[in-house]
PDB file of N, CA and C in Angstrom:
ATOM      1  N   MET A   1    -193.535-141.735   3.981  1.00  0.00           N
ATOM      2  CA  MET A   1    -193.284-142.695   2.925  1.00  0.00           C
ATOM      3  C   MET A   1    -191.962-143.420   3.157  1.00  0.00           C
ATOM      4  N   THR A   2    -191.921-144.674   2.795  1.00  0.00           N
ATOM      5  CA  THR A   2    -190.670-145.413   2.942  1.00  0.00           C
ATOM      6  C   THR A   2    -189.682-144.922   1.888  1.00  0.00           C
ATOM      7  N   GLU A   3    -188.406-145.044   2.189  1.00  0.00           N
ATOM      8  CA  GLU A   3    -187.368-144.552   1.281  1.00  0.00           C
ATOM      9  C   GLU A   3    -186.451-145.710   0.903  1.00  0.00           C
ATOM     10  N   ASN A   4    -186.166-145.831  -0.392  1.00  0.00           N
ATOM     11  CA  ASN A   4    -185.228-146.851  -0.843  1.00  0.00           C
ATOM     12  C   ASN A   4    -183.797-146.391  -0.596  1.00  0.00           C
ATOM     13  N   LEU A   5    -182.980-147.281  -0.067  1.00  0.00           N
ATOM     14  CA  LEU A   5    -181.573-146.956   0.178  1.00  0.00           C
ATOM     15  C   LEU A   5    -180.677-147.716  -0.787  1.00  0.00           C
ATOM     16  N   THR A   6    -179.615-147.045  -1.206  1.00  0.00           N
ATOM     17  CA  THR A   6    -178.528-147.702  -1.932  1.00  0.00           C
ATOM     18  C   THR A   6    -177.409-147.895  -0.914  1.00  0.00           C
ATOM     19  N   LYS A   7    -176.350-148.557  -1.320  1.00  0.00           N
ATOM     20  CA  LYS A   7    -175.222-148.713  -0.404  1.00  0.00           C
ATOM     21  C   LYS A   7    -174.731-147.332   0.051  1.00  0.00           C
ATOM     22  N   GLU A   8    -174.636-146.411  -0.893  1.00  0.00           N
ATOM     23  CA  GLU A   8    -174.134-145.065  -0.593  1.00  0.00           C
ATOM     24  C   GLU A   8    -174.992-144.356   0.457  1.00  0.00           C
ATOM     25  N   THR A   9    -176.314-144.379   0.290  1.00  0.00           N
ATOM     26  CA  THR A   9    -177.177-143.692   1.253  1.00  0.00           C
ATOM     27  C   THR A   9    -177.244-144.458   2.579  1.00  0.00           C
ATOM     28  N   PHE A  10    -177.090-145.789   2.522  1.00  0.00           N
ATOM     29  CA  PHE A  10    -177.062-146.587   3.758  1.00  0.00           C
ATOM     30  C   PHE A  10    -175.847-146.196   4.604  1.00  0.00           C
ATOM     31  N   LEU A  11    -174.676-146.084   3.957  1.00  0.00           N
ATOM     32  CA  LEU A  11    -173.446-145.726   4.685  1.00  0.00           C
ATOM     33  C   LEU A  11    -173.591-144.363   5.354  1.00  0.00           C
ATOM     34  N   GLU A  12    -174.327-143.477   4.688  1.00  0.00           N
ATOM     35  CA  GLU A  12    -174.503-142.106   5.174  1.00  0.00           C
ATOM     36  C   GLU A  12    -175.568-142.000   6.280  1.00  0.00           C
ATOM     37  N   LYS A  13    -176.689-142.704   6.116  1.00  0.00           N
ATOM     38  CA  LYS A  13    -177.830-142.506   7.006  1.00  0.00           C
ATOM     39  C   LYS A  13    -177.948-143.536   8.120  1.00  0.00           C
ATOM     40  N   VAL A  14    -177.345-144.729   7.927  1.00  0.00           N
ATOM     41  CA  VAL A  14    -177.576-145.802   8.891  1.00  0.00           C
ATOM     42  C   VAL A  14    -176.286-146.241   9.573  1.00  0.00           C
ATOM     43  N   PHE A  15    -175.364-146.795   8.817  1.00  0.00           N
ATOM     44  CA  PHE A  15    -174.148-147.353   9.419  1.00  0.00           C
ATOM     45  C   PHE A  15    -173.070-147.488   8.359  1.00  0.00           C
ATOM     46  N   ASN A  16    -171.896-146.920   8.634  1.00  0.00           N
ATOM     47  CA  ASN A  16    -170.791-147.048   7.688  1.00  0.00           C
ATOM     48  C   ASN A  16    -169.954-148.269   8.069  1.00  0.00           C
ATOM     49  N   PHE A  17    -170.307-149.415   7.493  1.00  0.00           N
ATOM     50  CA  PHE A  17    -169.604-150.658   7.836  1.00  0.00           C
ATOM     51  C   PHE A  17    -168.234-150.737   7.170  1.00  0.00           C
ATOM     52  N   GLU A  18    -167.932-149.802   6.275  1.00  0.00           N
ATOM     53  CA  GLU A  18    -166.597-149.787   5.671  1.00  0.00           C
ATOM     54  C   GLU A  18    -165.588-149.123   6.605  1.00  0.00           C
ATOM     55  N   GLU A  19    -166.082-148.210   7.460  1.00  0.00           N
ATOM     56  CA  GLU A  19    -165.198-147.513   8.402  1.00  0.00           C
ATOM     57  C   GLU A  19    -165.188-148.177   9.775  1.00  0.00           C
ATOM     58  N   ASN A  20    -166.303-148.765  10.179  1.00  0.00           N
ATOM     59  CA  ASN A  20    -166.434-149.283  11.543  1.00  0.00           C
ATOM     60  C   ASN A  20    -166.760-150.766  11.565  1.00  0.00           C
ATOM     61  N   GLN A  21    -166.059-151.500  12.429  1.00  0.00           N
ATOM     62  CA  GLN A  21    -166.419-152.894  12.687  1.00  0.00           C
ATOM     63  C   GLN A  21    -167.577-152.909  13.685  1.00  0.00           C
ATOM     64  N   GLU A  22    -167.474-152.032  14.672  1.00  0.00           N
ATOM     65  CA  GLU A  22    -168.488-151.931  15.726  1.00  0.00           C
ATOM     66  C   GLU A  22    -169.694-151.174  15.195  1.00  0.00           C
ATOM     67  N   TRP A  23    -170.901-151.645  15.543  1.00  0.00           N
ATOM     68  CA  TRP A  23    -172.124-150.964  15.130  1.00  0.00           C
ATOM     69  C   TRP A  23    -172.140-149.537  15.653  1.00  0.00           C
ATOM     70  N   LYS A  24    -172.368-148.594  14.769  1.00  0.00           N
ATOM     71  CA  LYS A  24    -172.452-147.182  15.138  1.00  0.00           C
ATOM     72  C   LYS A  24    -173.552-146.565  14.287  1.00  0.00           C
ATOM     73  N   PHE A  25    -174.726-146.410  14.887  1.00  0.00           N
ATOM     74  CA  PHE A  25    -175.899-145.921  14.153  1.00  0.00           C
ATOM     75  C   PHE A  25    -175.765-144.441  13.864  1.00  0.00           C
ATOM     76  N   LYS A  26    -176.035-144.044  12.617  1.00  0.00           N
ATOM     77  CA  LYS A  26    -175.874-142.653  12.214  1.00  0.00           C
ATOM     78  C   LYS A  26    -177.178-141.870  12.151  1.00  0.00           C
ATOM     79  N   GLY A  27    -178.306-142.558  12.311  1.00  0.00           N
ATOM     80  CA  GLY A  27    -179.593-141.872  12.181  1.00  0.00           C
ATOM     81  C   GLY A  27    -179.889-140.973  13.363  1.00  0.00           C
ATOM     82  N   ASP A  28    -180.811-140.031  13.167  1.00  0.00           N
ATOM     83  CA  ASP A  28    -181.195-139.156  14.280  1.00  0.00           C
ATOM     84  C   ASP A  28    -182.467-139.658  14.953  1.00  0.00           C
ATOM     85  N   LYS A  29    -183.111-140.688  14.375  1.00  0.00           N
ATOM     86  CA  LYS A  29    -184.225-141.361  15.045  1.00  0.00           C
ATOM     87  C   LYS A  29    -184.167-142.840  14.677  1.00  0.00           C
ATOM     88  N   PRO A  30    -184.803-143.694  15.472  1.00  0.00           N
ATOM     89  CA  PRO A  30    -184.739-145.134  15.206  1.00  0.00           C
ATOM     90  C   PRO A  30    -185.197-145.456  13.782  1.00  0.00           C
ATOM     91  N   ALA A  31    -184.737-146.604  13.275  1.00  0.00           N
ATOM     92  CA  ALA A  31    -185.063-146.973  11.896  1.00  0.00           C
ATOM     93  C   ALA A  31    -185.467-148.439  11.793  1.00  0.00           C
ATOM     94  N   LEU A  32    -186.340-148.703  10.835  1.00  0.00           N
ATOM     95  CA  LEU A  32    -186.696-150.064  10.447  1.00  0.00           C
ATOM     96  C   LEU A  32    -186.259-150.185   8.990  1.00  0.00           C
ATOM     97  N   ILE A  33    -185.458-151.201   8.701  1.00  0.00           N
ATOM     98  CA  ILE A  33    -184.954-151.382   7.343  1.00  0.00           C
ATOM     99  C   ILE A  33    -185.449-152.710   6.796  1.00  0.00           C
ATOM    100  N   ASP A  34    -186.174-152.644   5.691  1.00  0.00           N
ATOM    101  CA  ASP A  34    -186.766-153.822   5.062  1.00  0.00           C
ATOM    102  C   ASP A  34    -185.882-154.276   3.899  1.00  0.00           C
ATOM    103  N   PHE A  35    -185.314-155.479   4.015  1.00  0.00           N
ATOM    104  CA  PHE A  35    -184.568-156.074   2.910  1.00  0.00           C
ATOM    105  C   PHE A  35    -185.575-156.882   2.085  1.00  0.00           C
ATOM    106  N   TYR A  36    -185.741-156.531   0.805  1.00  0.00           N
ATOM    107  CA  TYR A  36    -186.792-157.137  -0.008  1.00  0.00           C
ATOM    108  C   TYR A  36    -186.291-157.397  -1.432  1.00  0.00           C
ATOM    109  N   ALA A  37    -187.134-158.039  -2.244  1.00  0.00           N
ATOM    110  CA  ALA A  37    -186.893-158.160  -3.686  1.00  0.00           C
ATOM    111  C   ALA A  37    -188.243-158.041  -4.387  1.00  0.00           C
ATOM    112  N   ASP A  38    -188.221-157.532  -5.612  1.00  0.00           N
ATOM    113  CA  ASP A  38    -189.461-157.328  -6.358  1.00  0.00           C
ATOM    114  C   ASP A  38    -190.207-158.628  -6.643  1.00  0.00           C
ATOM    115  N   TRP A  39    -189.477-159.735  -6.790  1.00  0.00           N
ATOM    116  CA  TRP A  39    -190.109-161.017  -7.135  1.00  0.00           C
ATOM    117  C   TRP A  39    -190.658-161.756  -5.911  1.00  0.00           C
ATOM    118  N   CYS A  40    -190.448-161.230  -4.719  1.00  0.00           N
ATOM    119  CA  CYS A  40    -190.791-161.939  -3.478  1.00  0.00           C
ATOM    120  C   CYS A  40    -192.241-161.667  -3.074  1.00  0.00           C
ATOM    121  N   GLY A  41    -193.084-162.718  -3.081  1.00  0.00           N
ATOM    122  CA  GLY A  41    -194.500-162.582  -2.719  1.00  0.00           C
ATOM    123  C   GLY A  41    -194.727-162.021  -1.327  1.00  0.00           C
ATOM    124  N   PRO A  42    -194.104-162.624  -0.275  1.00  0.00           N
ATOM    125  CA  PRO A  42    -194.293-162.091   1.084  1.00  0.00           C
ATOM    126  C   PRO A  42    -193.828-160.634   1.219  1.00  0.00           C
ATOM    127  N   CYS A  43    -192.806-160.246   0.449  1.00  0.00           N
ATOM    128  CA  CYS A  43    -192.331-158.854   0.487  1.00  0.00           C
ATOM    129  C   CYS A  43    -193.435-157.915  -0.007  1.00  0.00           C
ATOM    130  N   LYS A  44    -194.140-158.352  -1.060  1.00  0.00           N
ATOM    131  CA  LYS A  44    -195.235-157.535  -1.606  1.00  0.00           C
ATOM    132  C   LYS A  44    -196.378-157.430  -0.599  1.00  0.00           C
ATOM    133  N   MET A  45    -196.576-158.500   0.193  1.00  0.00           N
ATOM    134  CA  MET A  45    -197.659-158.487   1.185  1.00  0.00           C
ATOM    135  C   MET A  45    -197.394-157.469   2.294  1.00  0.00           C
ATOM    136  N   ILE A  46    -196.135-157.337   2.715  1.00  0.00           N
ATOM    137  CA  ILE A  46    -195.880-156.403   3.831  1.00  0.00           C
ATOM    138  C   ILE A  46    -195.610-154.971   3.384  1.00  0.00           C
ATOM    139  N   ALA A  47    -195.381-154.765   2.076  1.00  0.00           N
ATOM    140  CA  ALA A  47    -195.102-153.399   1.596  1.00  0.00           C
ATOM    141  C   ALA A  47    -196.175-152.391   2.014  1.00  0.00           C
ATOM    142  N   PRO A  48    -197.490-152.699   1.828  1.00  0.00           N
ATOM    143  CA  PRO A  48    -198.494-151.707   2.256  1.00  0.00           C
ATOM    144  C   PRO A  48    -198.517-151.503   3.772  1.00  0.00           C
ATOM    145  N   ILE A  49    -198.198-152.540   4.530  1.00  0.00           N
ATOM    146  CA  ILE A  49    -198.148-152.416   6.003  1.00  0.00           C
ATOM    147  C   ILE A  49    -197.032-151.453   6.390  1.00  0.00           C
ATOM    148  N   LEU A  50    -195.876-151.589   5.729  1.00  0.00           N
ATOM    149  CA  LEU A  50    -194.753-150.685   6.026  1.00  0.00           C
ATOM    150  C   LEU A  50    -195.104-149.246   5.658  1.00  0.00           C
ATOM    151  N   GLU A  51    -195.850-149.058   4.562  1.00  0.00           N
ATOM    152  CA  GLU A  51    -196.279-147.703   4.189  1.00  0.00           C
ATOM    153  C   GLU A  51    -197.207-147.128   5.270  1.00  0.00           C
ATOM    154  N   GLU A  52    -198.134-147.969   5.784  1.00  0.00           N
ATOM    155  CA  GLU A  52    -199.028-147.518   6.865  1.00  0.00           C
ATOM    156  C   GLU A  52    -198.219-147.120   8.095  1.00  0.00           C
ATOM    157  N   LEU A  53    -197.265-147.982   8.463  1.00  0.00           N
ATOM    158  CA  LEU A  53    -196.443-147.690   9.648  1.00  0.00           C
ATOM    159  C   LEU A  53    -195.652-146.407   9.454  1.00  0.00           C
ATOM    160  N   SER A  54    -195.181-146.180   8.229  1.00  0.00           N
ATOM    161  CA  SER A  54    -194.387-144.973   8.003  1.00  0.00           C
ATOM    162  C   SER A  54    -195.249-143.721   8.159  1.00  0.00           C
ATOM    163  N   GLU A  55    -196.557-143.822   7.856  1.00  0.00           N
ATOM    164  CA  GLU A  55    -197.481-142.710   8.110  1.00  0.00           C
ATOM    165  C   GLU A  55    -197.757-142.567   9.612  1.00  0.00           C
ATOM    166  N   GLU A  56    -198.035-143.703  10.262  1.00  0.00           N
ATOM    167  CA  GLU A  56    -198.435-143.672  11.671  1.00  0.00           C
ATOM    168  C   GLU A  56    -197.293-143.250  12.604  1.00  0.00           C
ATOM    169  N   TYR A  57    -196.071-143.552  12.218  1.00  0.00           N
ATOM    170  CA  TYR A  57    -194.909-143.205  13.059  1.00  0.00           C
ATOM    171  C   TYR A  57    -194.075-142.114  12.382  1.00  0.00           C
ATOM    172  N   LYS A  58    -194.725-141.303  11.569  1.00  0.00           N
ATOM    173  CA  LYS A  58    -194.058-140.363  10.670  1.00  0.00           C
ATOM    174  C   LYS A  58    -192.841-139.630  11.252  1.00  0.00           C
ATOM    175  N   ASP A  59    -193.004-138.978  12.385  1.00  0.00           N
ATOM    176  CA  ASP A  59    -191.894-138.183  12.915  1.00  0.00           C
ATOM    177  C   ASP A  59    -191.078-138.932  13.964  1.00  0.00           C
ATOM    178  N   LYS A  60    -191.398-140.220  14.174  1.00  0.00           N
ATOM    179  CA  LYS A  60    -190.753-140.965  15.260  1.00  0.00           C
ATOM    180  C   LYS A  60    -189.719-141.973  14.784  1.00  0.00           C
ATOM    181  N   ILE A  61    -189.965-142.589  13.627  1.00  0.00           N
ATOM    182  CA  ILE A  61    -188.979-143.536  13.094  1.00  0.00           C
ATOM    183  C   ILE A  61    -188.840-143.347  11.581  1.00  0.00           C
ATOM    184  N   ASP A  62    -187.694-143.771  11.051  1.00  0.00           N
ATOM    185  CA  ASP A  62    -187.485-143.801   9.603  1.00  0.00           C
ATOM    186  C   ASP A  62    -187.704-145.237   9.140  1.00  0.00           C
ATOM    187  N   ILE A  63    -188.387-145.408   8.022  1.00  0.00           N
ATOM    188  CA  ILE A  63    -188.543-146.746   7.444  1.00  0.00           C
ATOM    189  C   ILE A  63    -187.884-146.737   6.064  1.00  0.00           C
ATOM    190  N   TYR A  64    -186.905-147.616   5.925  1.00  0.00           N
ATOM    191  CA  TYR A  64    -186.138-147.717   4.691  1.00  0.00           C
ATOM    192  C   TYR A  64    -186.341-149.084   4.054  1.00  0.00           C
ATOM    193  N   LYS A  65    -186.132-149.156   2.737  1.00  0.00           N
ATOM    194  CA  LYS A  65    -186.201-150.423   2.014  1.00  0.00           C
ATOM    195  C   LYS A  65    -184.895-150.608   1.244  1.00  0.00           C
ATOM    196  N   ILE A  66    -184.420-151.842   1.211  1.00  0.00           N
ATOM    197  CA  ILE A  66    -183.211-152.158   0.452  1.00  0.00           C
ATOM    198  C   ILE A  66    -183.533-153.306  -0.495  1.00  0.00           C
ATOM    199  N   ASP A  67    -183.364-153.062  -1.785  1.00  0.00           N
ATOM    200  CA  ASP A  67    -183.589-154.078  -2.810  1.00  0.00           C
ATOM    201  C   ASP A  67    -182.378-155.013  -2.822  1.00  0.00           C
ATOM    202  N   THR A  68    -182.588-156.243  -2.346  1.00  0.00           N
ATOM    203  CA  THR A  68    -181.463-157.184  -2.196  1.00  0.00           C
ATOM    204  C   THR A  68    -180.840-157.568  -3.541  1.00  0.00           C
ATOM    205  N   GLU A  69    -181.612-157.452  -4.621  1.00  0.00           N
ATOM    206  CA  GLU A  69    -181.067-157.766  -5.951  1.00  0.00           C
ATOM    207  C   GLU A  69    -180.087-156.673  -6.394  1.00  0.00           C
ATOM    208  N   ALA A  70    -180.485-155.429  -6.166  1.00  0.00           N
ATOM    209  CA  ALA A  70    -179.662-154.293  -6.596  1.00  0.00           C
ATOM    210  C   ALA A  70    -178.504-154.056  -5.641  1.00  0.00           C
ATOM    211  N   GLU A  71    -178.684-154.376  -4.360  1.00  0.00           N
ATOM    212  CA  GLU A  71    -177.689-154.051  -3.340  1.00  0.00           C
ATOM    213  C   GLU A  71    -177.160-155.325  -2.673  1.00  0.00           C
ATOM    214  N   GLN A  72    -176.510-156.166  -3.487  1.00  0.00           N
ATOM    215  CA  GLN A  72    -176.060-157.459  -2.979  1.00  0.00           C
ATOM    216  C   GLN A  72    -174.975-157.333  -1.907  1.00  0.00           C
ATOM    217  N   GLU A  73    -174.157-156.294  -2.015  1.00  0.00           N
ATOM    218  CA  GLU A  73    -173.105-156.100  -1.013  1.00  0.00           C
ATOM    219  C   GLU A  73    -173.703-155.794   0.367  1.00  0.00           C
ATOM    220  N   LEU A  74    -174.742-154.946   0.382  1.00  0.00           N
ATOM    221  CA  LEU A  74    -175.424-154.631   1.647  1.00  0.00           C
ATOM    222  C   LEU A  74    -176.067-155.884   2.235  1.00  0.00           C
ATOM    223  N   SER A  75    -176.717-156.662   1.392  1.00  0.00           N
ATOM    224  CA  SER A  75    -177.366-157.891   1.855  1.00  0.00           C
ATOM    225  C   SER A  75    -176.335-158.839   2.455  1.00  0.00           C
ATOM    226  N   ALA A  76    -175.191-158.965   1.785  1.00  0.00           N
ATOM    227  CA  ALA A  76    -174.127-159.851   2.276  1.00  0.00           C
ATOM    228  C   ALA A  76    -173.565-159.340   3.590  1.00  0.00           C
ATOM    229  N   ALA A  77    -173.430-158.020   3.728  1.00  0.00           N
ATOM    230  CA  ALA A  77    -172.864-157.435   4.950  1.00  0.00           C
ATOM    231  C   ALA A  77    -173.727-157.784   6.166  1.00  0.00           C
ATOM    232  N   PHE A  78    -175.036-157.972   5.955  1.00  0.00           N
ATOM    233  CA  PHE A  78    -175.934-158.296   7.058  1.00  0.00           C
ATOM    234  C   PHE A  78    -176.366-159.764   7.055  1.00  0.00           C
ATOM    235  N   GLY A  79    -175.720-160.557   6.209  1.00  0.00           N
ATOM    236  CA  GLY A  79    -176.001-161.991   6.189  1.00  0.00           C
ATOM    237  C   GLY A  79    -177.447-162.318   5.846  1.00  0.00           C
ATOM    238  N   ILE A  80    -178.035-161.552   4.933  1.00  0.00           N
ATOM    239  CA  ILE A  80    -179.441-161.788   4.568  1.00  0.00           C
ATOM    240  C   ILE A  80    -179.524-163.056   3.715  1.00  0.00           C
ATOM    241  N   ARG A  81    -180.241-164.046   4.220  1.00  0.00           N
ATOM    242  CA  ARG A  81    -180.406-165.296   3.475  1.00  0.00           C
ATOM    243  C   ARG A  81    -181.847-165.518   3.055  1.00  0.00           C
ATOM    244  N   SER A  82    -182.781-164.936   3.787  1.00  0.00           N
ATOM    245  CA  SER A  82    -184.193-165.077   3.407  1.00  0.00           C
ATOM    246  C   SER A  82    -184.825-163.701   3.455  1.00  0.00           C
ATOM    247  N   ILE A  83    -185.793-163.497   2.584  1.00  0.00           N
ATOM    248  CA  ILE A  83    -186.487-162.210   2.572  1.00  0.00           C
ATOM    249  C   ILE A  83    -187.981-162.477   2.654  1.00  0.00           C
ATOM    250  N   PRO A  84    -188.744-161.541   3.203  1.00  0.00           N
ATOM    251  CA  PRO A  84    -188.254-160.284   3.772  1.00  0.00           C
ATOM    252  C   PRO A  84    -187.517-160.489   5.099  1.00  0.00           C
ATOM    253  N   SER A  85    -186.494-159.670   5.294  1.00  0.00           N
ATOM    254  CA  SER A  85    -185.809-159.577   6.582  1.00  0.00           C
ATOM    255  C   SER A  85    -185.834-158.112   6.977  1.00  0.00           C
ATOM    256  N   MET A  86    -186.082-157.859   8.256  1.00  0.00           N
ATOM    257  CA  MET A  86    -186.135-156.480   8.714  1.00  0.00           C
ATOM    258  C   MET A  86    -185.125-156.240   9.816  1.00  0.00           C
ATOM    259  N   LEU A  87    -184.380-155.160   9.664  1.00  0.00           N
ATOM    260  CA  LEU A  87    -183.396-154.768  10.652  1.00  0.00           C
ATOM    261  C   LEU A  87    -183.992-153.602  11.440  1.00  0.00           C
ATOM    262  N   PHE A  88    -184.106-153.786  12.747  1.00  0.00           N
ATOM    263  CA  PHE A  88    -184.635-152.742  13.633  1.00  0.00           C
ATOM    264  C   PHE A  88    -183.460-152.069  14.314  1.00  0.00           C
ATOM    265  N   CYS A  89    -183.285-150.778  14.065  1.00  0.00           N
ATOM    266  CA  CYS A  89    -182.139-150.036  14.590  1.00  0.00           C
ATOM    267  C   CYS A  89    -182.602-149.019  15.629  1.00  0.00           C
ATOM    268  N   PRO A  90    -182.399-149.309  16.928  1.00  0.00           N
ATOM    269  CA  PRO A  90    -182.753-148.306  17.939  1.00  0.00           C
ATOM    270  C   PRO A  90    -181.774-147.136  17.875  1.00  0.00           C
ATOM    271  N   ALA A  91    -182.166-146.001  18.426  1.00  0.00           N
ATOM    272  CA  ALA A  91    -181.278-144.830  18.430  1.00  0.00           C
ATOM    273  C   ALA A  91    -179.987-145.148  19.190  1.00  0.00           C
ATOM    274  N   LYS A  92    -180.106-145.949  20.258  1.00  0.00           N
ATOM    275  CA  LYS A  92    -178.930-146.375  21.027  1.00  0.00           C
ATOM    276  C   LYS A  92    -179.018-147.882  21.217  1.00  0.00           C
ATOM    277  N   GLY A  93    -177.868-148.537  21.172  1.00  0.00           N
ATOM    278  CA  GLY A  93    -177.875-149.984  21.371  1.00  0.00           C
ATOM    279  C   GLY A  93    -177.776-150.751  20.064  1.00  0.00           C
ATOM    280  N   GLN A  94    -177.790-152.070  20.174  1.00  0.00           N
ATOM    281  CA  GLN A  94    -177.582-152.941  19.028  1.00  0.00           C
ATOM    282  C   GLN A  94    -178.858-153.150  18.217  1.00  0.00           C
ATOM    283  N   PRO A  95    -178.701-153.269  16.891  1.00  0.00           N
ATOM    284  CA  PRO A  95    -179.865-153.556  16.055  1.00  0.00           C
ATOM    285  C   PRO A  95    -180.295-155.007  16.222  1.00  0.00           C
ATOM    286  N   GLN A  96    -181.534-155.283  15.869  1.00  0.00           N
ATOM    287  CA  GLN A  96    -182.038-156.656  15.899  1.00  0.00           C
ATOM    288  C   GLN A  96    -182.715-156.972  14.581  1.00  0.00           C
ATOM    289  N   MET A  97    -182.548-158.225  14.144  1.00  0.00           N
ATOM    290  CA  MET A  97    -183.105-158.671  12.871  1.00  0.00           C
ATOM    291  C   MET A  97    -184.350-159.510  13.118  1.00  0.00           C
ATOM    292  N   ALA A  98    -185.345-159.351  12.267  1.00  0.00           N
ATOM    293  CA  ALA A  98    -186.536-160.210  12.295  1.00  0.00           C
ATOM    294  C   ALA A  98    -186.764-160.704  10.868  1.00  0.00           C
ATOM    295  N   ASN A  99    -187.129-161.973  10.723  1.00  0.00           N
ATOM    296  CA  ASN A  99    -187.328-162.552   9.392  1.00  0.00           C
ATOM    297  C   ASN A  99    -188.783-162.869   9.138  1.00  0.00           C
ATOM    298  N   GLY A 100    -189.172-162.782   7.871  1.00  0.00           N
ATOM    299  CA  GLY A 100    -190.508-163.180   7.468  1.00  0.00           C
ATOM    300  C   GLY A 100    -191.474-162.013   7.375  1.00  0.00           C
ATOM    301  N   ALA A 101    -192.613-162.285   6.750  1.00  0.00           N
ATOM    302  CA  ALA A 101    -193.662-161.272   6.588  1.00  0.00           C
ATOM    303  C   ALA A 101    -194.472-161.222   7.873  1.00  0.00           C
ATOM    304  N   LEU A 102    -194.049-160.400   8.797  1.00  0.00           N
ATOM    305  CA  LEU A 102    -194.704-160.322  10.105  1.00  0.00           C
ATOM    306  C   LEU A 102    -195.991-159.506  10.018  1.00  0.00           C
ATOM    307  N   PRO A 103    -197.002-159.898  10.807  1.00  0.00           N
ATOM    308  CA  PRO A 103    -198.231-159.094  10.827  1.00  0.00           C
ATOM    309  C   PRO A 103    -197.977-157.723  11.457  1.00  0.00           C
ATOM    310  N   LYS A 104    -198.852-156.790  11.134  1.00  0.00           N
ATOM    311  CA  LYS A 104    -198.691-155.412  11.603  1.00  0.00           C
ATOM    312  C   LYS A 104    -198.565-155.335  13.130  1.00  0.00           C
ATOM    313  N   ALA A 105    -199.397-156.101  13.849  1.00  0.00           N
ATOM    314  CA  ALA A 105    -199.361-156.045  15.320  1.00  0.00           C
ATOM    315  C   ALA A 105    -197.994-156.468  15.856  1.00  0.00           C
ATOM    316  N   GLU A 106    -197.384-157.457  15.209  1.00  0.00           N
ATOM    317  CA  GLU A 106    -196.057-157.929  15.628  1.00  0.00           C
ATOM    318  C   GLU A 106    -194.995-156.860  15.339  1.00  0.00           C
ATOM    319  N   LEU A 107    -195.098-156.214  14.196  1.00  0.00           N
ATOM    320  CA  LEU A 107    -194.160-155.128  13.861  1.00  0.00           C
ATOM    321  C   LEU A 107    -194.296-153.990  14.878  1.00  0.00           C
ATOM    322  N   GLU A 108    -195.522-153.671  15.266  1.00  0.00           N
ATOM    323  CA  GLU A 108    -195.744-152.605  16.256  1.00  0.00           C
ATOM    324  C   GLU A 108    -195.151-152.993  17.607  1.00  0.00           C
ATOM    325  N   ARG A 109    -195.253-154.276  17.961  1.00  0.00           N
ATOM    326  CA  ARG A 109    -194.680-154.744  19.225  1.00  0.00           C
ATOM    327  C   ARG A 109    -193.151-154.605  19.203  1.00  0.00           C
ATOM    328  N   ILE A 110    -192.535-154.961  18.078  1.00  0.00           N
ATOM    329  CA  ILE A 110    -191.070-154.855  17.969  1.00  0.00           C
ATOM    330  C   ILE A 110    -190.646-153.377  17.984  1.00  0.00           C
ATOM    331  N   ILE A 111    -191.423-152.536  17.305  1.00  0.00           N
ATOM    332  CA  ILE A 111    -191.126-151.088  17.323  1.00  0.00           C
ATOM    333  C   ILE A 111    -191.143-150.580  18.767  1.00  0.00           C
ATOM    334  N   ALA A 112    -192.128-151.036  19.551  1.00  0.00           N
ATOM    335  CA  ALA A 112    -192.221-150.608  20.958  1.00  0.00           C
ATOM    336  C   ALA A 112    -191.086-151.204  21.792  1.00  0.00           C
ATOM    337  N   ASP A 113    -190.804-152.503  21.624  1.00  0.00           N
ATOM    338  CA  ASP A 113    -189.813-153.192  22.468  1.00  0.00           C
ATOM    339  C   ASP A 113    -188.374-152.867  22.094  1.00  0.00           C
ATOM    340  N   VAL A 114    -188.065-152.924  20.810  1.00  0.00           N
ATOM    341  CA  VAL A 114    -186.674-152.771  20.359  1.00  0.00           C
ATOM    342  C   VAL A 114    -186.340-151.298  20.089  1.00  0.00           C
ATOM    343  N   LEU A 115    -187.227-150.614  19.388  1.00  0.00           N
ATOM    344  CA  LEU A 115    -186.948-149.213  19.030  1.00  0.00           C
ATOM    345  C   LEU A 115    -187.367-148.256  20.152  1.00  0.00           C
ATOM    346  N   LYS A 116    -188.131-148.765  21.138  1.00  0.00           N
ATOM    347  CA  LYS A 116    -188.582-147.947  22.276  1.00  0.00           C
ATOM    348  C   LYS A 116    -189.407-146.750  21.815  1.00  0.00           C
ATOM    349  N   VAL A 117    -190.282-147.005  20.812  1.00  0.00           N
ATOM    350  CA  VAL A 117    -191.118-145.936  20.288  1.00  0.00           C
ATOM    351  C   VAL A 117    -192.579-146.332  20.430  1.00  0.00           C
ATOM    352  N   ALA A 118    -193.350-145.461  21.063  1.00  0.00           N
ATOM    353  CA  ALA A 118    -194.797-145.684  21.180  1.00  0.00           C
ATOM    354  C   ALA A 118    -195.492-144.932  20.069  1.00  0.00           C
ATOM    355  N   LYS A 119    -196.675-145.387  19.726  1.00  0.00           N
ATOM    356  CA  LYS A 119    -197.444-144.735  18.663  1.00  0.00           C
ATOM    357  C   LYS A 119    -197.850-143.330  19.065  1.00  0.00           C
TER     358      LYS A 119
END
């Protein structure tokens, strides 16, 4: 199941941007982070896809959601201007951002290419 993050849990599980300027991933497995809002139509369209992916990649990646309305500081820290936006965090290396309600096949391709995780 996808997990909602607050700023506090984000700092703990993903990246403490208050302590580090340089990206330093804190997770023990790659992560996909969905920046969304309840009023956003495309966000609602991809929510079930993200739930499916979280089942299919259960022990391989973490899938988190961040409510941009509730967590405006987090959204600003990542320069989120349009939603949905997804941050792909590999276990090693730099994260990459993707914008828009991407189809499942495209999300799987990014998981394979950026997160280096096969199904």
